[in-house]
Structures are given as structure tokens and as C-alpha cells.
Protein backbone atom coordinates (compact mmCIF):
# COMPACT_ATOMS: atom_id res chain seq x y z
CA MET A 1 -8.54 22.82 -6.05
CA ASN A 2 -7.62 19.74 -7.94
CA ILE A 3 -9.50 16.52 -9.18
CA TYR A 4 -8.62 14.79 -5.74
CA HIS A 5 -10.47 17.47 -3.99
CA LEU A 6 -13.59 17.06 -6.46
CA ARG A 7 -13.68 13.35 -5.77
CA TYR A 8 -13.49 13.85 -1.86
CA ALA A 9 -16.30 16.23 -1.98
CA LEU A 10 -18.43 13.89 -4.25
CA GLU A 11 -17.58 11.10 -1.85
CA ILE A 12 -18.80 13.08 1.20
CA ALA A 13 -22.14 13.91 -0.62
CA LYS A 14 -22.57 10.31 -1.45
CA THR A 15 -22.21 8.96 2.27
CA GLY A 16 -23.52 12.11 4.08
CA SER A 17 -20.83 11.79 6.42
CA ILE A 18 -17.15 12.89 6.64
CA LYS A 19 -16.19 9.98 8.86
CA ASN A 20 -17.71 7.22 6.55
CA ALA A 21 -16.27 9.18 3.44
CA ALA A 22 -12.77 9.06 5.23
CA GLU A 23 -13.37 5.41 5.77
CA ASN A 24 -14.16 4.81 1.95
CA LEU A 25 -11.16 6.92 0.93
CA TYR A 26 -8.77 5.32 3.43
CA MET A 27 -7.96 8.67 4.73
CA ALA A 28 -7.63 10.23 8.21
CA GLN A 29 -10.83 11.98 9.11
CA PRO A 30 -9.04 15.17 10.00
CA ASN A 31 -7.07 15.18 6.77
CA LEU A 32 -10.24 14.98 4.74
CA SER A 33 -11.74 17.74 6.65
CA ARG A 34 -9.07 19.90 6.21
CA ALA A 35 -8.99 19.13 2.35
CA ILE A 36 -12.67 20.22 2.21
CA LYS A 37 -12.04 23.22 4.03
CA GLU A 38 -9.08 24.23 1.71
CA LEU A 39 -11.45 23.47 -1.14
CA GLU A 40 -14.27 25.72 0.18
CA ASN A 41 -11.47 28.41 0.82
CA SER A 42 -10.55 28.43 -2.85
CA ILE A 43 -13.66 28.99 -4.27
CA GLY A 44 -15.13 30.89 -1.67
CA ILE A 45 -18.30 28.97 -0.75
CA THR A 46 -19.67 26.59 1.96
CA ILE A 47 -20.01 23.46 0.26
CA PHE A 48 -21.56 21.26 3.16
CA GLU A 49 -23.47 22.24 6.35
CA ARG A 50 -22.28 20.30 9.42
CA THR A 51 -25.12 18.89 11.32
CA THR A 52 -25.69 16.64 14.31
CA LYS A 53 -26.60 13.90 11.88
CA GLY A 54 -23.97 14.28 9.42
CA VAL A 55 -23.35 16.73 6.57
CA ILE A 56 -25.47 17.97 3.96
CA PRO A 57 -24.77 20.25 0.87
CA THR A 58 -25.71 23.69 1.05
CA ALA A 59 -27.44 25.39 -2.02
CA ASP A 60 -24.25 26.76 -3.35
CA GLY A 61 -22.82 23.01 -2.66
CA LYS A 62 -25.58 21.37 -4.60
CA LYS A 63 -24.58 23.63 -7.60
CA PHE A 64 -20.93 22.80 -7.00
CA LEU A 65 -21.37 19.17 -6.87
CA GLN A 66 -23.22 18.88 -9.91
CA HIS A 67 -20.27 20.56 -11.80
CA ALA A 68 -17.84 18.42 -9.93
CA LYS A 69 -19.44 15.34 -11.08
CA LYS A 70 -19.30 16.47 -14.69
CA ILE A 71 -15.74 17.71 -14.31
CA VAL A 72 -14.63 14.05 -12.96
CA SER A 73 -16.38 12.22 -15.48
CA GLN A 74 -15.03 14.51 -18.34
CA VAL A 75 -11.49 14.18 -16.91
CA GLU A 76 -11.73 10.51 -16.92
CA GLU A 77 -13.10 10.35 -20.45
CA VAL A 78 -10.48 12.69 -21.97
CA GLN A 79 -7.66 10.53 -20.29
CA ASN A 80 -9.17 7.31 -21.61
CA LEU A 81 -9.68 8.84 -25.02
CA PHE A 82 -6.18 10.16 -25.63
CA ASN A 83 -4.55 7.38 -24.00
CA LYS A 84 -6.09 5.06 -26.68
CA ARG A 85 -5.46 7.63 -29.48
CA ARG A 86 -1.87 7.66 -28.80
CA GLY A 87 -1.67 3.93 -28.33
CA LEU A 88 -0.44 4.50 -24.75
CA SER A 89 0.15 1.25 -22.68
CA ILE A 90 -0.09 1.93 -19.04
CA PHE A 91 0.76 -0.43 -16.22
CA SER A 92 0.13 0.45 -12.80
CA ILE A 93 0.42 -1.44 -9.38
CA THR A 94 0.49 -0.79 -5.71
CA VAL A 95 2.57 -3.25 -3.71
CA PRO A 96 3.89 -4.28 -0.09
CA ARG A 97 7.58 -3.65 0.44
CA ALA A 98 8.84 -7.03 -0.40
CA SER A 99 12.22 -8.13 -2.20
CA TYR A 100 10.58 -10.88 -4.29
CA ILE A 101 8.10 -8.36 -5.76
CA SER A 102 10.91 -5.88 -6.55
CA ASN A 103 12.77 -8.57 -8.18
CA ALA A 104 9.90 -9.29 -10.37
CA PHE A 105 9.20 -5.74 -11.32
CA THR A 106 12.88 -5.42 -12.23
CA GLU A 107 12.84 -8.30 -14.61
CA PHE A 108 9.59 -7.20 -15.97
CA SER A 109 11.02 -3.73 -16.81
CA LYS A 110 13.86 -5.36 -18.63
CA ASN A 111 11.21 -6.73 -21.38
CA LEU A 112 9.14 -3.64 -22.10
CA ASN A 113 8.56 -3.30 -26.01
CA GLN A 114 10.82 -0.72 -27.33
CA GLU A 115 8.34 0.24 -30.09
CA LYS A 116 5.26 1.10 -27.59
CA LEU A 117 4.56 4.22 -25.78
CA THR A 118 4.53 2.87 -22.07
CA GLU A 119 3.86 4.45 -18.78
CA ILE A 120 4.72 2.51 -15.65
CA PHE A 121 3.40 3.36 -12.13
CA TYR A 122 4.95 1.42 -9.20
CA CYS A 123 3.80 2.31 -5.63
CA GLU A 124 4.98 0.68 -2.58
CA SER A 125 2.57 1.04 0.55
CA ASN A 126 0.15 -0.63 2.75
CA PRO A 127 -3.05 -2.71 1.80
CA LEU A 128 -5.42 0.23 2.44
CA LYS A 129 -3.54 2.55 0.20
CA ALA A 130 -3.47 -0.15 -2.27
CA ILE A 131 -7.26 -0.59 -2.17
CA ASN A 132 -7.64 3.35 -2.35
CA ASN A 133 -5.60 3.39 -5.47
CA LEU A 134 -7.76 0.68 -7.19
CA VAL A 135 -11.02 2.26 -6.27
CA TYR A 136 -10.11 6.02 -6.71
CA GLU A 137 -6.87 6.64 -8.36
CA ASP A 138 -7.35 4.38 -11.56
CA TYR A 139 -4.48 1.98 -10.63
CA LYS A 140 -5.22 -1.53 -12.38
CA LEU A 141 -3.49 -3.83 -10.10
CA ALA A 142 -2.76 -4.20 -6.31
CA ILE A 143 -0.96 -6.77 -4.12
CA LEU A 144 -2.23 -6.78 -0.52
CA ARG A 145 -0.33 -8.21 2.32
CA TYR A 146 -2.08 -9.12 5.52
CA ASN A 147 -1.85 -11.55 8.42
CA GLU A 148 -3.58 -14.79 7.88
CA ARG A 149 -5.84 -14.06 11.10
CA ASP A 150 -7.26 -10.94 9.26
CA GLU A 151 -8.28 -12.57 6.02
CA GLU A 152 -12.05 -12.71 6.55
CA TYR A 153 -11.82 -8.90 7.04
CA PHE A 154 -10.12 -8.39 3.69
CA LYS A 155 -12.23 -10.81 1.70
CA GLU A 156 -15.28 -9.03 2.96
CA LEU A 157 -13.60 -5.60 2.13
CA LEU A 158 -12.75 -6.88 -1.43
CA GLU A 159 -16.30 -8.14 -1.90
CA GLU A 160 -17.67 -4.52 -0.80
CA LYS A 161 -15.48 -2.62 -2.93
CA GLY A 162 -15.94 -4.92 -6.28
CA LEU A 163 -12.75 -6.35 -6.26
CA LYS A 164 -11.37 -9.91 -7.00
CA GLY A 165 -8.08 -11.65 -6.99
CA GLU A 166 -5.95 -14.59 -5.87
CA MET A 167 -3.35 -15.56 -3.28
CA ILE A 168 0.28 -15.43 -4.76
CA ALA A 169 2.38 -16.07 -1.59
CA ARG A 170 2.02 -17.47 1.79
CA PHE A 171 5.10 -17.15 4.18
CA GLY A 172 6.52 -16.21 7.73
CA MET A 173 8.43 -13.07 8.42
CA LYS A 174 12.35 -13.33 8.79
CA LEU A 175 14.33 -11.46 11.47
CA VAL A 176 16.84 -9.34 9.32
CA PHE A 177 20.22 -7.61 10.42
CA SER A 178 23.59 -6.92 9.60
CA ALA A 179 26.15 -9.75 9.19
CA ASN A 180 28.48 -7.67 11.56
CA SER A 181 25.75 -7.59 14.29
CA GLU A 182 26.23 -9.57 17.32
CA LEU A 183 22.91 -11.05 16.68
CA ALA A 184 24.83 -13.07 13.96
CA SER A 185 26.67 -14.91 16.34
CA LEU A 186 23.54 -16.40 18.11
CA GLU A 187 22.31 -19.97 17.12
CA LYS A 188 18.97 -19.15 18.03
CA ILE A 189 17.46 -15.73 18.47
CA THR A 190 14.48 -14.93 20.72
CA LEU A 191 12.62 -11.72 21.58
CA ASP A 192 14.70 -11.52 24.68
CA ASN A 193 17.83 -11.26 22.68
CA LEU A 194 16.27 -8.29 20.82
CA SER A 195 15.80 -5.99 23.97
CA GLN A 196 18.98 -3.86 23.47
CA PHE A 197 19.03 -3.48 19.89
CA ILE A 198 17.16 -0.74 17.79
CA GLU A 199 14.07 -2.01 16.00
CA CYS A 200 13.32 -0.86 12.37
CA SER A 201 9.76 -0.74 11.26
CA TYR A 202 7.36 0.57 8.63
CA GLY A 203 5.41 3.45 10.29
CA ASP A 204 2.21 2.93 8.12
CA GLN A 205 1.18 -0.87 9.00
CA PHE A 206 -2.31 -1.78 9.37
CA ILE A 207 -4.42 -3.94 11.48
CA PRO A 208 -8.16 -4.04 11.09
CA SER A 209 -10.17 -2.28 14.01
CA LEU A 210 -6.93 -0.60 15.19
CA THR A 211 -5.78 2.94 14.85
CA GLU A 212 -2.22 3.53 13.29
CA GLU A 213 -0.76 4.08 16.62
CA GLU A 214 -2.31 0.92 18.15
CA ALA A 215 -0.95 -1.08 15.02
CA ARG A 216 2.46 0.00 15.43
CA GLU A 217 2.32 -0.85 19.10
CA VAL A 218 1.10 -4.28 18.35
CA ASN A 219 3.66 -4.69 15.53
CA ARG A 220 6.39 -4.06 17.87
CA MET A 221 8.83 -7.02 18.56
CA GLY A 222 9.89 -7.69 22.21
CA GLU A 223 10.84 -5.11 24.66
CA SER A 224 13.23 -2.89 22.57
CA LYS A 225 13.24 0.55 23.84
CA ARG A 226 14.29 2.21 20.79
CA ILE A 227 12.43 1.88 17.44
CA ILE A 228 12.84 3.70 14.21
CA TYR A 229 9.71 4.14 11.89
CA LEU A 230 10.67 4.54 8.23
CA THR A 231 8.40 4.56 4.81
CA GLY A 232 11.12 3.68 2.29
CA ARG A 233 12.44 -0.02 1.68
CA ALA A 234 15.75 1.35 0.48
CA SER A 235 16.12 3.33 3.74
CA MET A 236 15.44 0.38 5.83
CA PHE A 237 18.13 -1.69 3.97
CA ASP A 238 20.75 1.08 4.30
CA LEU A 239 20.00 1.71 7.86
CA LEU A 240 20.14 -2.04 8.61
CA SER A 241 23.51 -2.35 6.76
CA GLU A 242 25.33 0.50 8.24
CA ASN A 243 23.95 0.35 11.91
CA ASN A 244 25.05 -3.10 13.52
CA GLN A 245 22.52 -2.16 16.57
CA THR A 246 19.40 -2.38 14.30
CA PHE A 247 17.14 -5.36 13.23
CA ALA A 248 13.73 -5.57 11.39
CA ARG A 249 11.15 -8.17 10.57
CA CYS A 250 10.67 -8.46 6.87
CA SER A 251 9.29 -10.92 4.22
CA PRO A 252 11.95 -13.07 2.94
CA ILE A 253 14.61 -11.11 1.12
CA THR A 254 16.38 -12.22 -2.12
CA ASP A 255 19.99 -13.61 -1.80
CA SER A 256 21.33 -10.63 -4.17
CA MET A 257 19.92 -8.26 -1.76
CA LEU A 258 21.22 -9.94 1.26
CA LYS A 259 24.75 -9.76 -0.44
CA ARG A 260 24.30 -6.15 -1.59
CA TYR A 261 23.60 -4.73 1.88
CA ASN A 262 25.66 -7.48 3.94
CA LEU A 263 22.49 -8.45 5.58
CA VAL A 264 21.36 -11.83 7.42
CA GLN A 265 17.90 -13.21 7.61
CA VAL A 266 16.94 -16.04 10.14
CA ASP A 267 14.02 -17.31 11.76
CA LEU A 268 12.64 -15.74 15.26
CA GLU A 269 11.97 -18.25 17.74
CA GLY A 270 8.36 -18.46 18.90
CA GLN A 271 6.92 -16.43 16.16
CA ASN A 272 4.49 -18.22 14.02
CA ASP A 273 2.34 -15.68 12.36
CA ILE A 274 1.72 -16.39 8.80
CA TYR A 275 1.20 -13.72 6.01
CA LYS A 276 -0.40 -13.76 2.53
CA ASP A 277 0.11 -11.72 -0.51
CA PHE A 278 -2.88 -11.42 -2.59
CA LEU A 279 -3.04 -10.20 -6.15
CA VAL A 280 -6.13 -7.90 -6.58
CA TYR A 281 -8.17 -5.88 -9.26
CA LYS A 282 -11.70 -4.62 -10.05
CA LYS A 283 -14.18 -7.41 -11.03
CA ASP A 284 -14.75 -6.13 -14.50
CA TYR A 285 -10.99 -5.45 -15.35
CA LYS A 286 -9.37 -7.46 -18.07
CA LEU A 287 -5.69 -8.11 -17.45
CA SER A 288 -3.62 -6.30 -20.25
CA GLU A 289 -0.64 -7.84 -21.76
CA LEU A 290 1.54 -5.85 -19.50
CA ASP A 291 -0.34 -7.26 -16.58
CA LYS A 292 0.26 -10.80 -17.76
CA ASN A 293 4.04 -10.18 -18.17
CA PHE A 294 4.15 -8.67 -14.68
CA ILE A 295 2.46 -11.60 -13.35
CA THR A 296 4.50 -14.27 -15.03
CA GLU A 297 7.78 -12.50 -13.48
CA LEU A 298 6.11 -12.36 -10.10
CA CYS A 299 5.31 -16.19 -10.26
CA ASN A 300 8.91 -16.97 -11.25
CA SER A 301 10.29 -14.66 -8.26
CA ARG A 302 7.93 -16.18 -5.78
CA ARG A 303 8.96 -19.83 -6.81
CA LYS A 304 12.60 -18.81 -6.55
CA TYR A 305 12.76 -16.82 -3.43
CA LEU A 306 9.68 -17.89 -1.07
CA LYS A 307 10.49 -21.64 -0.75
């Protein structure tokens, strides 16, 4: 049993539905069901009774949830109390996998105050994980990346979750591959040119109303028969650099990264999708000095690399 299990149980009790709780927590429903089953097994009681209309707490479950709510509240109070007493400065952000953001974070890290106790949390993931970290995991900032056609969905979602923010970048994706690839000799590249190459993509991409599997299929480019899904940006660059048969679609990459990995980035003929990066935080949150310093570096990097 851990604090996340308690939060999961409280969310199910709040919604009266594992399905709705999973949506609010941005988890797959089977994963949430499994977590609750593990929790019930660890404490030896049945917390929820499953019915055709949803789930309701059992008598033991009601007692457990009362204690769980107190525990979660007390943990948060203790964290806040000792962070303040230690003079601890915390910076936490969830971001998309982006070269210009990584560059901004590196520059930000160079100027951390040597006299202050500081903890930094930097997580690369998709927009739903970013929102989950803001709402449930006490992250302070997030950068959401979405296709411009999905903007209304995300605006409504941010309002529903009590979040606000502002657009920081608007751009088209680039086609990226090794400088030694046969693609580098082509003046123009179309989807047909990519059919014999290996596509590299991130496996946790998100499109509203689609499952992860459907989103992956929609995000595939051309008729490539071979595709590799990854989660790490460094692994993606290593693969593109070392395997001349691979390509990927990425946000614009900095010149230093292209040089380091011997990569080329070009426009793909016929691809007109526009993406936005949106800086987000809770409506009642006041930006800290660390937040402001990072945002300054983010703006500098955006102006330099997203022309």
C-alpha cells in the first residue's frame, strides 16, 4: 500500500465508477482495477462492492476511506511543513519530448542558486500524463503538446481541471533522419519515399476520443511496414543516428543536437499539421522564482530554435 493507492481509492469513491475514476486519473481502467485489487489484498478487506450501476464502498470500505482521506491530507501537510522549514525550493515540470525545451532546461540548470537547497523534477511524457501530474502528483508546471485541430478539447479539459496557461510555441513537425541516410540525397521527400524505411515513433501519443492503439495507427506516416515505438528521446536519437534506415517525425531540433547525432531535419511534402505547446499550471498557483527563471530560458530557446 502506498499514497497513490489511497488517492486512487478516494477518486473511485468520489466518482462512484472505476471507469470515470480511471479517466480522471488518466490511467487505463484495467491498471486501476488491478491497483485497487492489490490494495484490498494488502489490507485484507473488500473496499468496494461492484454493482451494475457502478461501485459503492462496503462497510469496511467506508471506514478505510475515512482514514485514507486523513492520511493523504496529513502527508500533504507534512510535506508542505518541512519543505518550508528547510527552506527547500522545488521546481517540477512535465514536458513533451522537445529539443528546444531540453535546451531551455539545461540553461536553466546552469543558474541554480548555489546557496539554496533545491530539488528539480523534470518529466518527459504525453499531455494526459502532464495533466495527471499537475492535478494528482503535485507537479507545479506542465507543457502540453497537441495538434491544433484538438485545441477545443484541451481548452475544455483545462477548464474542467481548474488549470490555466498560455501558448508558448506553434510549429510544424520536421522529418528527421541520419545524414548518411539515402533520404539525405533527395531534394523533396514525400510519404511514398518513406515506405521502405523504418519509422520511429513515441508509443504513448494521444489523440482525443481514440485509444492508444488507434492513436498510434493514426500517427503512423506513409506505408512503412516496420515501426519502432520508444519512450525515451535519447534512445530515439541514438537509433536515428546509428541506423540509416530509420526516420522520425519530431518538433524542430536544435543545431547542436543535429550536429551531435549527425542528423538532418527537413520538411515533409504534403504535411500541413500544426502543433502547439501550451504552458499550464493550476489557476490558484503563483509562479515561483524558479518557475520564472525557467520560463525566461524557455522563451529564449523558442526564439532561437523555432523560427
